C-alpha atoms as a PDB file:
ATOM      1  CA  UNK A   1     -72.144 -10.248 167.025  1.00  0.00           C
ATOM      2  CA  UNK A   2     -72.979 -12.730 164.172  1.00  0.00           C
ATOM      3  CA  UNK A   3     -71.124 -10.428 161.712  1.00  0.00           C
ATOM      4  CA  UNK A   4     -67.939 -10.502 163.949  1.00  0.00           C
ATOM      5  CA  UNK A   5     -67.938 -14.373 164.101  1.00  0.00           C
ATOM      6  CA  UNK A   6     -68.568 -14.482 160.294  1.00  0.00           C
ATOM      7  CA  UNK A   7     -65.656 -11.965 159.771  1.00  0.00           C
ATOM      8  CA  UNK A   8     -63.401 -14.131 162.122  1.00  0.00           C
ATOM      9  CA  UNK A   9     -64.205 -17.401 160.351  1.00  0.00           C
ATOM     10  CA  UNK A  10     -63.494 -15.805 157.013  1.00  0.00           C
ATOM     11  CA  UNK A  11     -60.108 -14.560 158.161  1.00  0.00           C
ATOM     12  CA  UNK A  12     -59.161 -17.897 159.647  1.00  0.00           C
ATOM     13  CA  UNK A  13     -60.119 -19.670 156.281  1.00  0.00           C
ATOM     14  CA  UNK A  14     -58.176 -17.036 154.324  1.00  0.00           C
ATOM     15  CA  UNK A  15     -55.086 -17.709 156.557  1.00  0.00           C
ATOM     16  CA  UNK A  16     -55.393 -21.461 156.275  1.00  0.00           C
ATOM     17  CA  UNK A  17     -55.809 -21.158 152.524  1.00  0.00           C
ATOM     18  CA  UNK A  18     -52.728 -18.868 152.250  1.00  0.00           C
ATOM     19  CA  UNK A  19     -50.631 -21.245 154.288  1.00  0.00           C
ATOM     20  CA  UNK A  20     -51.594 -24.238 152.099  1.00  0.00           C
ATOM     21  CA  UNK A  21     -50.764 -22.304 149.043  1.00  0.00           C
ATOM     22  CA  UNK A  22     -47.408 -21.454 150.345  1.00  0.00           C
ATOM     23  CA  UNK A  23     -46.791 -25.017 151.326  1.00  0.00           C
ATOM     24  CA  UNK A  24     -47.669 -26.172 147.826  1.00  0.00           C
ATOM     25  CA  UNK A  25     -45.353 -23.689 146.200  1.00  0.00           C
ATOM     26  CA  UNK A  26     -42.447 -24.500 148.505  1.00  0.00           C
ATOM     27  CA  UNK A  27     -42.842 -28.171 147.952  1.00  0.00           C
ATOM     28  CA  UNK A  28     -42.921 -27.694 144.161  1.00  0.00           C
ATOM     29  CA  UNK A  29     -39.610 -25.784 144.257  1.00  0.00           C
ATOM     30  CA  UNK A  30     -37.965 -28.515 146.419  1.00  0.00           C
ATOM     31  CA  UNK A  31     -39.288 -31.354 144.369  1.00  0.00           C
ATOM     32  CA  UNK A  32     -37.151 -32.549 141.386  1.00  0.00           C
ATOM     33  CA  UNK A  33     -38.656 -34.579 138.688  1.00  0.00           C
ATOM     34  CA  UNK A  34     -36.857 -37.574 137.307  1.00  0.00           C
ATOM     35  CA  UNK A  35     -36.980 -39.285 133.982  1.00  0.00           C
ATOM     36  CA  UNK A  36     -35.779 -42.905 134.023  1.00  0.00           C
ATOM     37  CA  UNK A  37     -34.863 -44.949 130.950  1.00  0.00           C
ATOM     38  CA  UNK A  38     -34.928 -48.625 132.308  1.00  0.00           C
ATOM     39  CA  UNK A  39     -32.483 -51.040 130.860  1.00  0.00           C
ATOM     40  CA  UNK A  40     -33.410 -54.453 129.626  1.00  0.00           C
ATOM     41  CA  UNK A  41     -30.714 -56.021 131.681  1.00  0.00           C
ATOM     42  CA  UNK A  42     -29.318 -55.608 135.324  1.00  0.00           C
ATOM     43  CA  UNK A  43     -25.747 -55.329 134.667  1.00  0.00           C
ATOM     44  CA  UNK A  44     -23.832 -52.970 136.870  1.00  0.00           C
ATOM     45  CA  UNK A  45     -22.513 -50.232 134.795  1.00  0.00           C
ATOM     46  CA  UNK A  46     -19.902 -47.649 135.936  1.00  0.00           C
ATOM     47  CA  UNK A  47     -21.586 -44.201 135.619  1.00  0.00           C
ATOM     48  CA  UNK A  48     -19.015 -41.748 137.053  1.00  0.00           C
ATOM     49  CA  UNK A  49     -16.657 -40.992 140.014  1.00  0.00           C
ATOM     50  CA  UNK A  50     -17.886 -38.770 142.886  1.00  0.00           C
ATOM     51  CA  UNK A  51     -15.765 -37.587 145.772  1.00  0.00           C
ATOM     52  CA  UNK A  52     -13.647 -40.831 145.424  1.00  0.00           C
ATOM     53  CA  UNK A  53     -16.750 -42.971 145.203  1.00  0.00           C
ATOM     54  CA  UNK A  54     -17.737 -45.139 142.154  1.00  0.00           C
ATOM     55  CA  UNK A  55     -21.297 -44.476 141.054  1.00  0.00           C
ATOM     56  CA  UNK A  56     -22.985 -47.254 139.196  1.00  0.00           C
ATOM     57  CA  UNK A  57     -26.223 -47.750 137.247  1.00  0.00           C
ATOM     58  CA  UNK A  58     -28.115 -51.081 137.580  1.00  0.00           C
ATOM     59  CA  UNK A  59     -31.252 -51.638 135.420  1.00  0.00           C
ATOM     60  CA  UNK A  60     -31.101 -48.115 134.216  1.00  0.00           C
ATOM     61  CA  UNK A  61     -29.836 -46.743 130.958  1.00  0.00           C
ATOM     62  CA  UNK A  62     -30.349 -43.108 131.536  1.00  0.00           C
ATOM     63  CA  UNK A  63     -31.533 -40.951 134.404  1.00  0.00           C
ATOM     64  CA  UNK A  64     -32.413 -37.199 133.961  1.00  0.00           C
ATOM     65  CA  UNK A  65     -33.429 -34.592 136.508  1.00  0.00           C
ATOM     66  CA  UNK A  66     -35.484 -31.399 136.084  1.00  0.00           C
ATOM     67  CA  UNK A  67     -34.021 -28.608 138.159  1.00  0.00           C
ATOM     68  CA  UNK A  68     -35.600 -25.100 138.061  1.00  0.00           C
ATOM     69  CA  UNK A  69     -37.491 -26.151 134.905  1.00  0.00           C
ATOM     70  CA  UNK A  70     -34.453 -27.434 132.990  1.00  0.00           C
ATOM     71  CA  UNK A  71     -33.628 -31.130 132.252  1.00  0.00           C
ATOM     72  CA  UNK A  72     -30.095 -32.371 132.968  1.00  0.00           C
ATOM     73  CA  UNK A  73     -28.414 -35.800 132.880  1.00  0.00           C
ATOM     74  CA  UNK A  74     -28.139 -36.668 136.660  1.00  0.00           C
ATOM     75  CA  UNK A  75     -24.288 -37.035 136.193  1.00  0.00           C
ATOM     76  CA  UNK A  76     -23.974 -33.564 134.831  1.00  0.00           C
ATOM     77  CA  UNK A  77     -26.227 -31.941 137.516  1.00  0.00           C
ATOM     78  CA  UNK A  78     -24.135 -33.533 140.177  1.00  0.00           C
ATOM     79  CA  UNK A  79     -20.685 -32.755 138.622  1.00  0.00           C
ATOM     80  CA  UNK A  80     -21.759 -29.159 137.853  1.00  0.00           C
ATOM     81  CA  UNK A  81     -22.985 -28.954 141.474  1.00  0.00           C
ATOM     82  CA  UNK A  82     -26.580 -28.167 140.638  1.00  0.00           C
ATOM     83  CA  UNK A  83     -27.537 -30.843 143.120  1.00  0.00           C
ATOM     84  CA  UNK A  84     -25.668 -33.139 145.472  1.00  0.00           C
ATOM     85  CA  UNK A  85     -26.208 -36.693 146.574  1.00  0.00           C
ATOM     86  CA  UNK A  86     -26.952 -35.456 150.005  1.00  0.00           C
ATOM     87  CA  UNK A  87     -29.633 -33.345 148.626  1.00  0.00           C
ATOM     88  CA  UNK A  88     -30.976 -36.386 146.752  1.00  0.00           C
ATOM     89  CA  UNK A  89     -30.747 -38.533 149.896  1.00  0.00           C
ATOM     90  CA  UNK A  90     -32.747 -36.012 151.810  1.00  0.00           C
ATOM     91  CA  UNK A  91     -35.459 -35.619 149.128  1.00  0.00           C
ATOM     92  CA  UNK A  92     -36.141 -39.350 149.038  1.00  0.00           C
ATOM     93  CA  UNK A  93     -39.611 -40.640 149.717  1.00  0.00           C
ATOM     94  CA  UNK A  94     -38.280 -43.358 152.145  1.00  0.00           C
ATOM     95  CA  UNK A  95     -34.968 -44.429 153.451  1.00  0.00           C
ATOM     96  CA  UNK A  96     -33.703 -47.430 155.414  1.00  0.00           C
ATOM     97  CA  UNK A  97     -30.399 -48.614 156.704  1.00  0.00           C
ATOM     98  CA  UNK A  98     -29.134 -52.094 155.963  1.00  0.00           C
ATOM     99  CA  UNK A  99     -27.762 -54.958 158.238  1.00  0.00           C
ATOM    100  CA  UNK A 100     -24.127 -53.573 157.908  1.00  0.00           C
ATOM    101  CA  UNK A 101     -24.832 -50.427 159.654  1.00  0.00           C
ATOM    102  CA  UNK A 102     -23.447 -48.082 157.078  1.00  0.00           C
ATOM    103  CA  UNK A 103     -25.390 -48.862 153.823  1.00  0.00           C
ATOM    104  CA  UNK A 104     -28.609 -46.917 153.216  1.00  0.00           C
ATOM    105  CA  UNK A 105     -31.289 -47.218 150.475  1.00  0.00           C
ATOM    106  CA  UNK A 106     -33.051 -44.104 149.564  1.00  0.00           C
ATOM    107  CA  UNK A 107     -36.268 -44.741 147.631  1.00  0.00           C
ATOM    108  CA  UNK A 108     -38.102 -42.705 144.979  1.00  0.00           C
ATOM    109  CA  UNK A 109     -40.968 -43.831 142.915  1.00  0.00           C
ATOM    110  CA  UNK A 110     -39.209 -45.471 140.089  1.00  0.00           C
ATOM    111  CA  UNK A 111     -35.624 -45.923 141.365  1.00  0.00           C
ATOM    112  CA  UNK A 112     -33.467 -46.079 144.391  1.00  0.00           C
ATOM    113  CA  UNK A 113     -30.108 -44.821 145.411  1.00  0.00           C
ATOM    114  CA  UNK A 114     -28.037 -47.212 147.423  1.00  0.00           C
ATOM    115  CA  UNK A 115     -25.191 -45.483 149.415  1.00  0.00           C
ATOM    116  CA  UNK A 116     -22.730 -48.291 150.347  1.00  0.00           C
ATOM    117  CA  UNK A 117     -20.430 -47.780 153.303  1.00  0.00           C
ATOM    118  CA  UNK A 118     -19.052 -51.031 154.616  1.00  0.00           C
ATOM    119  CA  UNK A 119     -15.898 -53.010 155.215  1.00  0.00           C
ATOM    120  CA  UNK A 120     -15.443 -55.888 152.700  1.00  0.00           C
ATOM    121  CA  UNK A 121     -15.269 -59.417 153.817  1.00  0.00           C
ATOM    122  CA  UNK A 122     -11.470 -59.308 153.608  1.00  0.00           C
ATOM    123  CA  UNK A 123     -11.576 -56.492 156.402  1.00  0.00           C
ATOM    124  CA  UNK A 124      -9.104 -54.609 154.371  1.00  0.00           C
ATOM    125  CA  UNK A 125     -11.193 -52.733 151.803  1.00  0.00           C
ATOM    126  CA  UNK A 126     -13.948 -50.310 152.473  1.00  0.00           C
ATOM    127  CA  UNK A 127     -16.680 -50.234 149.858  1.00  0.00           C
ATOM    128  CA  UNK A 128     -18.239 -46.817 149.416  1.00  0.00           C
ATOM    129  CA  UNK A 129     -20.100 -47.287 146.026  1.00  0.00           C
ATOM    130  CA  UNK A 130     -23.192 -45.513 145.150  1.00  0.00           C
ATOM    131  CA  UNK A 131     -25.683 -47.544 143.147  1.00  0.00           C
ATOM    132  CA  UNK A 132     -28.678 -46.002 141.307  1.00  0.00           C
ATOM    133  CA  UNK A 133     -31.122 -48.818 140.406  1.00  0.00           C
ATOM    134  CA  UNK A 134     -34.535 -49.344 139.195  1.00  0.00           C
ATOM    135  CA  UNK A 135     -36.949 -49.728 142.179  1.00  0.00           C
ATOM    136  CA  UNK A 136     -37.522 -53.550 141.758  1.00  0.00           C
ATOM    137  CA  UNK A 137     -33.824 -54.166 142.261  1.00  0.00           C
ATOM    138  CA  UNK A 138     -33.497 -52.173 145.633  1.00  0.00           C
ATOM    139  CA  UNK A 139     -33.422 -55.296 147.849  1.00  0.00           C
ATOM    140  CA  UNK A 140     -31.073 -57.338 145.658  1.00  0.00           C
ATOM    141  CA  UNK A 141     -27.619 -57.274 147.309  1.00  0.00           C
ATOM    142  CA  UNK A 142     -25.623 -59.280 144.823  1.00  0.00           C
ATOM    143  CA  UNK A 143     -24.286 -56.009 142.976  1.00  0.00           C
ATOM    144  CA  UNK A 144     -23.606 -54.112 146.281  1.00  0.00           C
ATOM    145  CA  UNK A 145     -19.777 -53.600 146.523  1.00  0.00           C
ATOM    146  CA  UNK A 146     -19.029 -56.356 143.989  1.00  0.00           C
ATOM    147  CA  UNK A 147     -16.843 -55.834 140.968  1.00  0.00           C
END
């Protein structure tokens, strides 16, 4: 009887260990690693055009991403369809919507992606910029949807 209980406990521990190993392996495959070169200024610099949206860097000179063990400039990885902004948004550690109802901030450890989606004050122009900024700038709104 005691041997049966011991065997059951060992089997349960083995199953739990296997599940934890699988979870770790899956999360490593889904996790991208980023390398950020921060800028000494907070100027809004045009980075590239993506699906009719302007993408800007603020407070970042370069951003690289590791995908399946290879390093890419983020711009190249997106344009070559190795990753999408939607995938980046879903991988963020934290996200929150802003007061305008359409703008979202997706936070990572060292940077944030701000996906703007709002009508400008003139009520004529829609702003759909994507801004990639160092994490300390994530709540500064002076560069959102400004020229």
